[in-house]
Amino acid sequence: MYDHGSNQMIAQPKNEIGAGVFKSQCLKLLDTVALTRSPLTITKHGKAVAKLVPIQTTVDLFGSMSGSVTFSGDIVSPLENEWEASR
């Protein structure tokens, strides 16, 4: 990035990219963000306008509750106490 006021080059942070560069390298940048898991800020004229963030990895629901339930007796047999509704 170039600062026209002081005629000096300013180092642009690695997690920021200009909109024009983003447009030309979009697919590559999507892969990079997905691989590195680090967000990328997209700027226009030096001001942040959007942020590209990796999606959270999904957890396979099958088996995710394994070991979280305990068995403590027979749940099928009738109860020994009489309920008012059953009279």
N, C-alpha and C. Protein backbone atom coordinates (compact mmCIF):
# COMPACT_ATOMS: atom_id res chain seq x y z
N MET A 1 0.86 -1.17 0.00
CA MET A 1 0.00 0.00 0.00
C MET A 1 0.90 1.23 0.00
N TYR A 2 0.51 2.28 -0.68
CA TYR A 2 1.31 3.47 -0.84
C TYR A 2 0.61 4.64 -0.17
N ASP A 3 1.33 5.33 0.74
CA ASP A 3 0.81 6.52 1.40
C ASP A 3 1.22 7.73 0.57
N HIS A 4 0.27 8.31 -0.13
CA HIS A 4 0.59 9.42 -1.04
C HIS A 4 0.98 10.69 -0.30
N GLY A 5 0.55 10.82 0.96
CA GLY A 5 0.89 12.02 1.72
C GLY A 5 2.36 12.09 2.08
N SER A 6 2.97 10.95 2.41
CA SER A 6 4.37 10.95 2.82
C SER A 6 5.27 10.28 1.80
N ASN A 7 4.69 9.87 0.67
CA ASN A 7 5.46 9.21 -0.39
C ASN A 7 6.23 8.00 0.13
N GLN A 8 5.59 7.21 0.97
CA GLN A 8 6.23 6.02 1.52
C GLN A 8 5.34 4.81 1.29
N MET A 9 5.98 3.69 1.16
CA MET A 9 5.24 2.43 1.08
C MET A 9 4.89 2.00 2.49
N ILE A 10 3.65 1.58 2.68
CA ILE A 10 3.20 1.10 3.97
C ILE A 10 2.95 -0.40 3.85
N ALA A 11 3.51 -1.15 4.77
CA ALA A 11 3.31 -2.61 4.74
C ALA A 11 1.86 -2.91 5.10
N GLN A 12 1.21 -3.66 4.24
CA GLN A 12 -0.17 -4.04 4.48
C GLN A 12 -0.18 -5.35 5.25
N PRO A 13 -0.98 -5.43 6.31
CA PRO A 13 -1.02 -6.68 7.08
C PRO A 13 -1.42 -7.85 6.19
N LYS A 14 -0.89 -9.04 6.52
CA LYS A 14 -1.16 -10.23 5.71
C LYS A 14 -2.64 -10.61 5.72
N ASN A 15 -3.36 -10.24 6.74
CA ASN A 15 -4.76 -10.64 6.82
C ASN A 15 -5.68 -9.63 6.15
N GLU A 16 -5.12 -8.69 5.39
CA GLU A 16 -5.92 -7.72 4.63
C GLU A 16 -5.55 -7.80 3.16
N ILE A 17 -6.55 -7.58 2.31
CA ILE A 17 -6.29 -7.59 0.87
C ILE A 17 -7.24 -6.60 0.21
N GLY A 18 -6.76 -5.95 -0.81
CA GLY A 18 -7.59 -5.02 -1.55
C GLY A 18 -8.66 -5.73 -2.36
N ALA A 19 -9.76 -5.04 -2.60
CA ALA A 19 -10.89 -5.65 -3.30
C ALA A 19 -10.52 -6.08 -4.72
N GLY A 20 -9.69 -5.32 -5.40
CA GLY A 20 -9.27 -5.67 -6.75
C GLY A 20 -8.47 -6.96 -6.79
N VAL A 21 -7.55 -7.09 -5.84
CA VAL A 21 -6.74 -8.31 -5.76
C VAL A 21 -7.63 -9.48 -5.36
N PHE A 22 -8.54 -9.23 -4.44
CA PHE A 22 -9.47 -10.29 -4.02
C PHE A 22 -10.28 -10.78 -5.22
N LYS A 23 -10.74 -9.84 -6.03
CA LYS A 23 -11.56 -10.20 -7.20
C LYS A 23 -10.78 -11.11 -8.16
N SER A 24 -9.51 -10.81 -8.37
CA SER A 24 -8.73 -11.58 -9.32
C SER A 24 -8.23 -12.91 -8.76
N GLN A 25 -8.16 -13.04 -7.42
CA GLN A 25 -7.64 -14.26 -6.81
C GLN A 25 -8.63 -14.93 -5.87
N CYS A 26 -9.91 -14.68 -6.08
CA CYS A 26 -10.96 -15.11 -5.17
C CYS A 26 -10.90 -16.60 -4.82
N LEU A 27 -10.86 -17.48 -5.82
CA LEU A 27 -10.89 -18.91 -5.56
C LEU A 27 -9.67 -19.38 -4.78
N LYS A 28 -8.51 -18.84 -5.11
CA LYS A 28 -7.28 -19.18 -4.39
C LYS A 28 -7.37 -18.71 -2.93
N LEU A 29 -7.90 -17.52 -2.72
CA LEU A 29 -8.03 -16.98 -1.37
C LEU A 29 -9.04 -17.77 -0.54
N LEU A 30 -10.13 -18.22 -1.17
CA LEU A 30 -11.10 -19.07 -0.47
C LEU A 30 -10.43 -20.34 0.04
N ASP A 31 -9.63 -20.96 -0.81
CA ASP A 31 -8.91 -22.17 -0.41
C ASP A 31 -7.91 -21.89 0.71
N THR A 32 -7.22 -20.75 0.63
CA THR A 32 -6.24 -20.39 1.65
C THR A 32 -6.90 -20.17 3.00
N VAL A 33 -8.01 -19.46 3.03
CA VAL A 33 -8.72 -19.20 4.28
C VAL A 33 -9.24 -20.52 4.87
N ALA A 34 -9.75 -21.40 4.02
CA ALA A 34 -10.24 -22.69 4.50
C ALA A 34 -9.10 -23.53 5.06
N LEU A 35 -7.95 -23.48 4.44
CA LEU A 35 -6.80 -24.28 4.86
C LEU A 35 -6.15 -23.73 6.13
N THR A 36 -5.93 -22.42 6.18
CA THR A 36 -5.23 -21.81 7.32
C THR A 36 -6.15 -21.51 8.49
N ARG A 37 -7.48 -21.50 8.24
CA ARG A 37 -8.48 -21.21 9.27
C ARG A 37 -8.32 -19.80 9.84
N SER A 38 -7.71 -18.89 9.08
CA SER A 38 -7.55 -17.51 9.55
C SER A 38 -8.39 -16.58 8.68
N PRO A 39 -9.06 -15.59 9.30
CA PRO A 39 -9.93 -14.69 8.53
C PRO A 39 -9.13 -13.74 7.63
N LEU A 40 -9.78 -13.22 6.63
CA LEU A 40 -9.18 -12.29 5.68
C LEU A 40 -10.08 -11.07 5.55
N THR A 41 -9.54 -9.90 5.78
CA THR A 41 -10.30 -8.66 5.66
C THR A 41 -10.10 -8.09 4.27
N ILE A 42 -11.20 -7.75 3.62
CA ILE A 42 -11.15 -7.19 2.27
C ILE A 42 -11.37 -5.69 2.38
N THR A 43 -10.47 -4.93 1.77
CA THR A 43 -10.53 -3.47 1.89
C THR A 43 -10.80 -2.83 0.54
N LYS A 44 -11.35 -1.63 0.63
CA LYS A 44 -11.59 -0.81 -0.56
C LYS A 44 -11.07 0.58 -0.21
N HIS A 45 -10.09 1.03 -0.92
CA HIS A 45 -9.44 2.32 -0.67
C HIS A 45 -8.92 2.40 0.77
N GLY A 46 -8.39 1.27 1.27
CA GLY A 46 -7.79 1.23 2.60
C GLY A 46 -8.76 1.04 3.75
N LYS A 47 -10.06 0.99 3.47
CA LYS A 47 -11.06 0.81 4.52
C LYS A 47 -11.68 -0.57 4.41
N ALA A 48 -11.80 -1.24 5.55
CA ALA A 48 -12.37 -2.58 5.57
C ALA A 48 -13.84 -2.55 5.15
N VAL A 49 -14.20 -3.43 4.22
CA VAL A 49 -15.58 -3.49 3.75
C VAL A 49 -16.20 -4.87 3.94
N ALA A 50 -15.37 -5.89 4.08
CA ALA A 50 -15.88 -7.25 4.24
C ALA A 50 -14.83 -8.11 4.93
N LYS A 51 -15.31 -9.21 5.50
CA LYS A 51 -14.40 -10.15 6.13
C LYS A 51 -14.76 -11.55 5.66
N LEU A 52 -13.76 -12.28 5.19
CA LEU A 52 -13.92 -13.66 4.77
C LEU A 52 -13.42 -14.53 5.91
N VAL A 53 -14.33 -15.32 6.48
CA VAL A 53 -13.96 -16.15 7.63
C VAL A 53 -14.25 -17.62 7.30
N PRO A 54 -13.45 -18.53 7.86
CA PRO A 54 -13.73 -19.95 7.62
C PRO A 54 -14.96 -20.39 8.39
N ILE A 55 -15.71 -21.31 7.82
CA ILE A 55 -16.87 -21.82 8.53
C ILE A 55 -16.40 -22.78 9.62
N GLN A 56 -17.21 -22.92 10.65
CA GLN A 56 -16.87 -23.83 11.72
C GLN A 56 -17.02 -25.26 11.21
N THR A 57 -16.10 -26.10 11.62
CA THR A 57 -16.19 -27.48 11.18
C THR A 57 -17.39 -28.14 11.83
N THR A 58 -18.08 -28.94 11.05
CA THR A 58 -19.28 -29.60 11.56
C THR A 58 -18.89 -30.89 12.28
N VAL A 59 -19.63 -31.20 13.30
CA VAL A 59 -19.40 -32.41 14.07
C VAL A 59 -20.40 -33.46 13.60
N ASP A 60 -19.93 -34.66 13.37
CA ASP A 60 -20.81 -35.74 12.98
C ASP A 60 -21.71 -36.09 14.16
N LEU A 61 -23.01 -35.95 13.98
CA LEU A 61 -23.94 -36.18 15.08
C LEU A 61 -24.06 -37.66 15.45
N PHE A 62 -23.84 -38.55 14.52
CA PHE A 62 -23.95 -39.97 14.81
C PHE A 62 -22.84 -40.36 15.79
N GLY A 63 -23.24 -40.80 16.97
CA GLY A 63 -22.28 -41.23 17.98
C GLY A 63 -21.75 -40.12 18.87
N SER A 64 -22.21 -38.89 18.66
CA SER A 64 -21.67 -37.77 19.44
C SER A 64 -22.10 -37.82 20.91
N MET A 65 -23.20 -38.52 21.22
CA MET A 65 -23.68 -38.64 22.60
C MET A 65 -23.22 -39.94 23.25
N SER A 66 -22.38 -40.69 22.57
CA SER A 66 -21.91 -41.98 23.06
C SER A 66 -21.26 -41.83 24.44
N GLY A 67 -21.72 -42.66 25.39
CA GLY A 67 -21.16 -42.63 26.73
C GLY A 67 -21.77 -41.60 27.65
N SER A 68 -22.73 -40.82 27.18
CA SER A 68 -23.30 -39.75 28.01
C SER A 68 -24.56 -40.20 28.75
N VAL A 69 -25.08 -41.39 28.44
CA VAL A 69 -26.29 -41.89 29.08
C VAL A 69 -25.92 -43.12 29.89
N THR A 70 -26.43 -43.20 31.12
CA THR A 70 -26.15 -44.36 31.97
C THR A 70 -27.42 -45.18 32.16
N PHE A 71 -27.27 -46.46 32.26
CA PHE A 71 -28.38 -47.39 32.48
C PHE A 71 -28.45 -47.68 33.97
N SER A 72 -29.61 -47.46 34.57
CA SER A 72 -29.73 -47.70 36.02
C SER A 72 -31.02 -48.46 36.34
N GLY A 73 -31.17 -49.64 35.82
CA GLY A 73 -32.32 -50.47 36.14
C GLY A 73 -33.26 -50.64 34.99
N ASP A 74 -34.35 -51.37 35.27
CA ASP A 74 -35.35 -51.71 34.26
C ASP A 74 -36.28 -50.51 34.03
N ILE A 75 -36.39 -50.07 32.79
CA ILE A 75 -37.27 -48.93 32.48
C ILE A 75 -38.54 -49.37 31.79
N VAL A 76 -38.72 -50.70 31.58
CA VAL A 76 -39.86 -51.21 30.84
C VAL A 76 -40.94 -51.75 31.78
N SER A 77 -40.56 -52.41 32.85
CA SER A 77 -41.52 -53.03 33.77
C SER A 77 -42.38 -51.97 34.45
N PRO A 78 -43.61 -52.33 34.83
CA PRO A 78 -44.50 -51.38 35.51
C PRO A 78 -43.93 -50.97 36.87
N LEU A 79 -44.28 -49.77 37.29
CA LEU A 79 -43.86 -49.28 38.61
C LEU A 79 -44.62 -50.00 39.70
N GLU A 80 -44.02 -50.08 40.87
CA GLU A 80 -44.66 -50.78 42.00
C GLU A 80 -45.69 -49.90 42.70
N ASN A 81 -45.61 -48.62 42.58
CA ASN A 81 -46.59 -47.76 43.23
C ASN A 81 -47.80 -47.54 42.32
N GLU A 82 -48.97 -47.35 42.95
CA GLU A 82 -50.20 -47.18 42.20
C GLU A 82 -50.44 -45.69 41.94
N TRP A 83 -50.78 -45.35 40.71
CA TRP A 83 -51.07 -43.97 40.35
C TRP A 83 -52.57 -43.73 40.44
N GLU A 84 -52.90 -42.51 40.76
CA GLU A 84 -54.30 -42.14 40.88
C GLU A 84 -55.01 -42.29 39.53
N ALA A 85 -54.36 -42.04 38.46
CA ALA A 85 -54.96 -42.13 37.14
C ALA A 85 -55.27 -43.58 36.75
N SER A 86 -54.58 -44.55 37.34
CA SER A 86 -54.81 -45.93 36.97
C SER A 86 -55.94 -46.59 37.76
N ARG A 87 -56.59 -45.90 38.68
CA ARG A 87 -57.70 -46.45 39.48
C ARG A 87 -58.98 -46.46 38.73
